[in-house]
C-alpha atoms as a PDB file:
ATOM      1  CA  UNK A   1     -52.741  15.243 -10.513  1.00  0.00           C
ATOM      2  CA  UNK A   2     -53.643  16.840  -7.234  1.00  0.00           C
ATOM      3  CA  UNK A   3     -57.363  16.230  -7.647  1.00  0.00           C
ATOM      4  CA  UNK A   4     -58.405  12.791  -6.435  1.00  0.00           C
ATOM      5  CA  UNK A   5     -61.633  11.406  -7.783  1.00  0.00           C
ATOM      6  CA  UNK A   6     -63.708   9.470  -5.258  1.00  0.00           C
ATOM      7  CA  UNK A   7     -66.589   8.294  -7.436  1.00  0.00           C
ATOM      8  CA  UNK A   8     -65.693   4.618  -6.700  1.00  0.00           C
ATOM      9  CA  UNK A   9     -66.077   5.187  -3.020  1.00  0.00           C
ATOM     10  CA  UNK A  10     -69.515   6.635  -3.351  1.00  0.00           C
ATOM     11  CA  UNK A  11     -70.633   3.958  -5.842  1.00  0.00           C
ATOM     12  CA  UNK A  12     -69.461   1.289  -3.416  1.00  0.00           C
ATOM     13  CA  UNK A  13     -71.396   2.953  -0.557  1.00  0.00           C
ATOM     14  CA  UNK A  14     -74.451   2.806  -2.532  1.00  0.00           C
ATOM     15  CA  UNK A  15     -73.732  -0.690  -4.087  1.00  0.00           C
ATOM     16  CA  UNK A  16     -74.339   0.985  -7.432  1.00  0.00           C
ATOM     17  CA  UNK A  17     -72.685  -0.395 -10.665  1.00  0.00           C
ATOM     18  CA  UNK A  18     -70.824   1.770 -13.045  1.00  0.00           C
ATOM     19  CA  UNK A  19     -73.281   0.964 -15.810  1.00  0.00           C
ATOM     20  CA  UNK A  20     -76.284   1.985 -13.640  1.00  0.00           C
ATOM     21  CA  UNK A  21     -74.406   5.178 -12.457  1.00  0.00           C
ATOM     22  CA  UNK A  22     -73.471   6.101 -16.068  1.00  0.00           C
ATOM     23  CA  UNK A  23     -77.068   5.500 -17.331  1.00  0.00           C
ATOM     24  CA  UNK A  24     -78.621   7.731 -14.558  1.00  0.00           C
ATOM     25  CA  UNK A  25     -76.100  10.428 -14.904  1.00  0.00           C
ATOM     26  CA  UNK A  26     -76.086  10.412 -18.845  1.00  0.00           C
ATOM     27  CA  UNK A  27     -72.569   9.338 -19.414  1.00  0.00           C
ATOM     28  CA  UNK A  28     -71.060   6.358 -21.146  1.00  0.00           C
ATOM     29  CA  UNK A  29     -69.487   3.823 -18.900  1.00  0.00           C
ATOM     30  CA  UNK A  30     -66.140   4.530 -20.646  1.00  0.00           C
ATOM     31  CA  UNK A  31     -66.328   8.237 -19.606  1.00  0.00           C
ATOM     32  CA  UNK A  32     -67.353   7.241 -16.063  1.00  0.00           C
ATOM     33  CA  UNK A  33     -64.033   5.087 -16.030  1.00  0.00           C
ATOM     34  CA  UNK A  34     -62.069   8.021 -17.287  1.00  0.00           C
ATOM     35  CA  UNK A  35     -63.404  10.110 -14.437  1.00  0.00           C
ATOM     36  CA  UNK A  36     -62.940   7.250 -11.877  1.00  0.00           C
ATOM     37  CA  UNK A  37     -59.299   6.690 -12.950  1.00  0.00           C
ATOM     38  CA  UNK A  38     -58.363  10.349 -12.706  1.00  0.00           C
ATOM     39  CA  UNK A  39     -57.686  10.743 -16.456  1.00  0.00           C
ATOM     40  CA  UNK A  40     -60.150  13.438 -17.102  1.00  0.00           C
ATOM     41  CA  UNK A  41     -58.868  16.965 -17.780  1.00  0.00           C
ATOM     42  CA  UNK A  42     -62.044  18.649 -16.837  1.00  0.00           C
ATOM     43  CA  UNK A  43     -65.633  18.024 -15.536  1.00  0.00           C
ATOM     44  CA  UNK A  44     -68.422  20.214 -16.611  1.00  0.00           C
ATOM     45  CA  UNK A  45     -70.653  21.630 -13.825  1.00  0.00           C
ATOM     46  CA  UNK A  46     -73.759  20.103 -15.331  1.00  0.00           C
ATOM     47  CA  UNK A  47     -72.089  16.680 -15.176  1.00  0.00           C
ATOM     48  CA  UNK A  48     -70.813  17.228 -11.524  1.00  0.00           C
ATOM     49  CA  UNK A  49     -74.418  18.329 -10.725  1.00  0.00           C
ATOM     50  CA  UNK A  50     -75.868  15.131 -12.400  1.00  0.00           C
ATOM     51  CA  UNK A  51     -73.383  12.972 -10.427  1.00  0.00           C
ATOM     52  CA  UNK A  52     -74.289  14.694  -7.084  1.00  0.00           C
ATOM     53  CA  UNK A  53     -78.076  14.298  -7.760  1.00  0.00           C
ATOM     54  CA  UNK A  54     -77.733  10.571  -8.547  1.00  0.00           C
ATOM     55  CA  UNK A  55     -75.418   9.878  -5.658  1.00  0.00           C
ATOM     56  CA  UNK A  56     -77.218  12.302  -3.354  1.00  0.00           C
ATOM     57  CA  UNK A  57     -73.960  13.865  -2.287  1.00  0.00           C
ATOM     58  CA  UNK A  58     -71.918  16.951  -2.347  1.00  0.00           C
ATOM     59  CA  UNK A  59     -69.018  17.816  -4.763  1.00  0.00           C
ATOM     60  CA  UNK A  60     -66.503  17.444  -2.050  1.00  0.00           C
ATOM     61  CA  UNK A  61     -67.657  13.863  -1.588  1.00  0.00           C
ATOM     62  CA  UNK A  62     -66.566  13.202  -5.154  1.00  0.00           C
ATOM     63  CA  UNK A  63     -63.418  15.345  -5.616  1.00  0.00           C
ATOM     64  CA  UNK A  64     -60.553  16.018  -3.180  1.00  0.00           C
ATOM     65  CA  UNK A  65     -57.636  18.209  -3.705  1.00  0.00           C
ATOM     66  CA  UNK A  66     -54.182  16.958  -2.328  1.00  0.00           C
ATOM     67  CA  UNK A  67     -50.888  18.773  -2.258  1.00  0.00           C
ATOM     68  CA  UNK A  68     -47.992  17.027  -3.830  1.00  0.00           C
ATOM     69  CA  UNK A  69     -44.194  17.820  -4.166  1.00  0.00           C
ATOM     70  CA  UNK A  70     -43.730  20.078  -7.063  1.00  0.00           C
ATOM     71  CA  UNK A  71     -40.244  18.595  -7.623  1.00  0.00           C
ATOM     72  CA  UNK A  72     -41.990  15.351  -8.548  1.00  0.00           C
ATOM     73  CA  UNK A  73     -44.220  16.705 -11.129  1.00  0.00           C
ATOM     74  CA  UNK A  74     -44.563  14.563 -14.419  1.00  0.00           C
ATOM     75  CA  UNK A  75     -42.963  16.231 -17.531  1.00  0.00           C
ATOM     76  CA  UNK A  76     -46.400  17.003 -18.880  1.00  0.00           C
ATOM     77  CA  UNK A  77     -47.468  18.953 -15.875  1.00  0.00           C
ATOM     78  CA  UNK A  78     -44.351  21.139 -15.450  1.00  0.00           C
ATOM     79  CA  UNK A  79     -44.846  24.740 -16.229  1.00  0.00           C
ATOM     80  CA  UNK A  80     -43.285  26.504 -19.208  1.00  0.00           C
ATOM     81  CA  UNK A  81     -41.244  28.711 -16.647  1.00  0.00           C
ATOM     82  CA  UNK A  82     -38.845  25.872 -16.237  1.00  0.00           C
ATOM     83  CA  UNK A  83     -37.781  25.824 -19.927  1.00  0.00           C
ATOM     84  CA  UNK A  84     -38.447  22.190 -20.445  1.00  0.00           C
ATOM     85  CA  UNK A  85     -40.516  22.717 -23.566  1.00  0.00           C
ATOM     86  CA  UNK A  86     -39.297  22.071 -27.048  1.00  0.00           C
ATOM     87  CA  UNK A  87     -37.970  25.210 -28.761  1.00  0.00           C
ATOM     88  CA  UNK A  88     -35.842  26.710 -26.185  1.00  0.00           C
ATOM     89  CA  UNK A  89     -36.509  30.055 -24.289  1.00  0.00           C
ATOM     90  CA  UNK A  90     -39.654  31.995 -24.951  1.00  0.00           C
END
């Protein structure tokens, strides 16, 4: 995924635990873990707002876009244009 989540960096800078952060933001610790590990598919603006308020930071401090080699995309991230989906051509 080309979006890198840097919540752990901001938590470390503030010496804040995941549990404390989760409670203040209004998320479960499990959902914070999903975000931290880059497994989230989306983040609501209201959640991003809450995270920035708690950490007193900007969205760019928590999220970073990085480019990667499109030839190395995992199967589930390839587009339908490359005909890798089940069922053949569309």
